[in-house]
Amino acid sequence: GTEFMGDGGYPAYPVRTKGAVESTRMHLMYLKVNYPNVLPHGRLGQFEYISMAEAIEQSLALARRLMRDLI
């Protein structure tokens, strides 16, 4: 199905065109090199179309990994 957000009905998911995927790959590489402490995350941060349950699961896994690394 199609997912829409808000009353305006604009799409709330990434559209994975070839150009958009390449642009995202380049931006993620730039962040990794120049801002290693920035962790792009979630639907938009990883440019993935995932369910909210998957997004929450990924967030919890990231939080566990970060907490483990602090100890």
Protein backbone atom coordinates (compact mmCIF):
# COMPACT_ATOMS: atom_id res chain seq x y z
CA GLY A 1 0.00 0.00 0.00
CA THR A 2 0.88 3.64 -0.13
CA GLU A 3 1.71 5.45 3.07
CA PHE A 4 0.88 9.12 3.55
CA MET A 5 1.50 11.43 6.44
CA GLY A 6 -0.47 14.43 7.62
CA ASP A 7 -3.49 16.16 6.16
CA GLY A 8 -1.55 17.36 3.10
CA GLY A 9 -1.11 13.81 1.85
CA TYR A 10 2.57 14.11 0.94
CA PRO A 11 4.56 10.85 0.75
CA ALA A 12 6.31 9.95 3.99
CA TYR A 13 8.73 7.41 2.62
CA PRO A 14 11.94 7.48 0.59
CA VAL A 15 11.57 7.03 -3.15
CA ARG A 16 14.58 4.95 -4.16
CA THR A 17 15.43 6.21 -7.62
CA LYS A 18 18.92 5.55 -9.00
CA GLY A 19 19.90 9.20 -8.53
CA ALA A 20 18.49 9.38 -5.01
CA VAL A 21 20.28 6.19 -3.95
CA GLU A 22 23.60 7.45 -5.33
CA SER A 23 23.14 10.85 -3.68
CA THR A 24 22.35 9.19 -0.35
CA ARG A 25 25.39 6.92 -0.65
CA MET A 26 27.61 9.97 -1.24
CA HIS A 27 26.09 11.89 1.68
CA LEU A 28 26.48 8.94 4.04
CA MET A 29 30.13 8.55 3.02
CA TYR A 30 30.70 12.29 3.58
CA LEU A 31 29.21 12.03 7.08
CA LYS A 32 31.26 8.96 7.91
CA VAL A 33 34.52 10.64 6.89
CA ASN A 34 33.87 14.16 8.21
CA TYR A 35 31.53 13.53 11.16
CA PRO A 36 32.24 10.02 12.48
CA ASN A 37 30.15 10.63 15.61
CA VAL A 38 27.00 11.35 13.58
CA LEU A 39 24.95 8.17 13.19
CA PRO A 40 22.35 8.49 10.41
CA HIS A 41 19.46 6.38 11.54
CA GLY A 42 15.92 5.35 10.78
CA ARG A 43 13.92 5.59 7.58
CA LEU A 44 15.41 8.81 6.33
CA GLY A 45 18.86 8.45 7.85
CA GLN A 46 19.41 5.13 6.10
CA PHE A 47 17.13 5.91 3.14
CA GLU A 48 15.09 2.75 3.66
CA TYR A 49 11.40 2.08 3.48
CA ILE A 50 10.88 0.17 6.71
CA SER A 51 7.93 -0.19 9.04
CA MET A 52 7.79 1.75 12.28
CA ALA A 53 8.27 -1.54 14.15
CA GLU A 54 11.52 -2.12 12.24
CA ALA A 55 12.61 1.48 12.86
CA ILE A 56 12.04 1.07 16.60
CA GLU A 57 13.82 -2.30 16.61
CA GLN A 58 16.82 -0.74 14.84
CA SER A 59 16.82 2.18 17.29
CA LEU A 60 16.86 -0.15 20.29
CA ALA A 61 19.68 -2.22 18.76
CA LEU A 62 21.69 0.96 18.14
CA ALA A 63 21.08 2.15 21.71
CA ARG A 64 22.20 -1.23 23.09
CA ARG A 65 25.36 -1.15 20.94
CA LEU A 66 26.19 2.41 22.03
CA MET A 67 25.62 1.57 25.70
CA ARG A 68 27.77 -1.57 25.41
CA ASP A 69 30.56 0.48 23.82
CA LEU A 70 30.47 2.97 26.71
CA ILE A 71 31.05 0.31 29.35
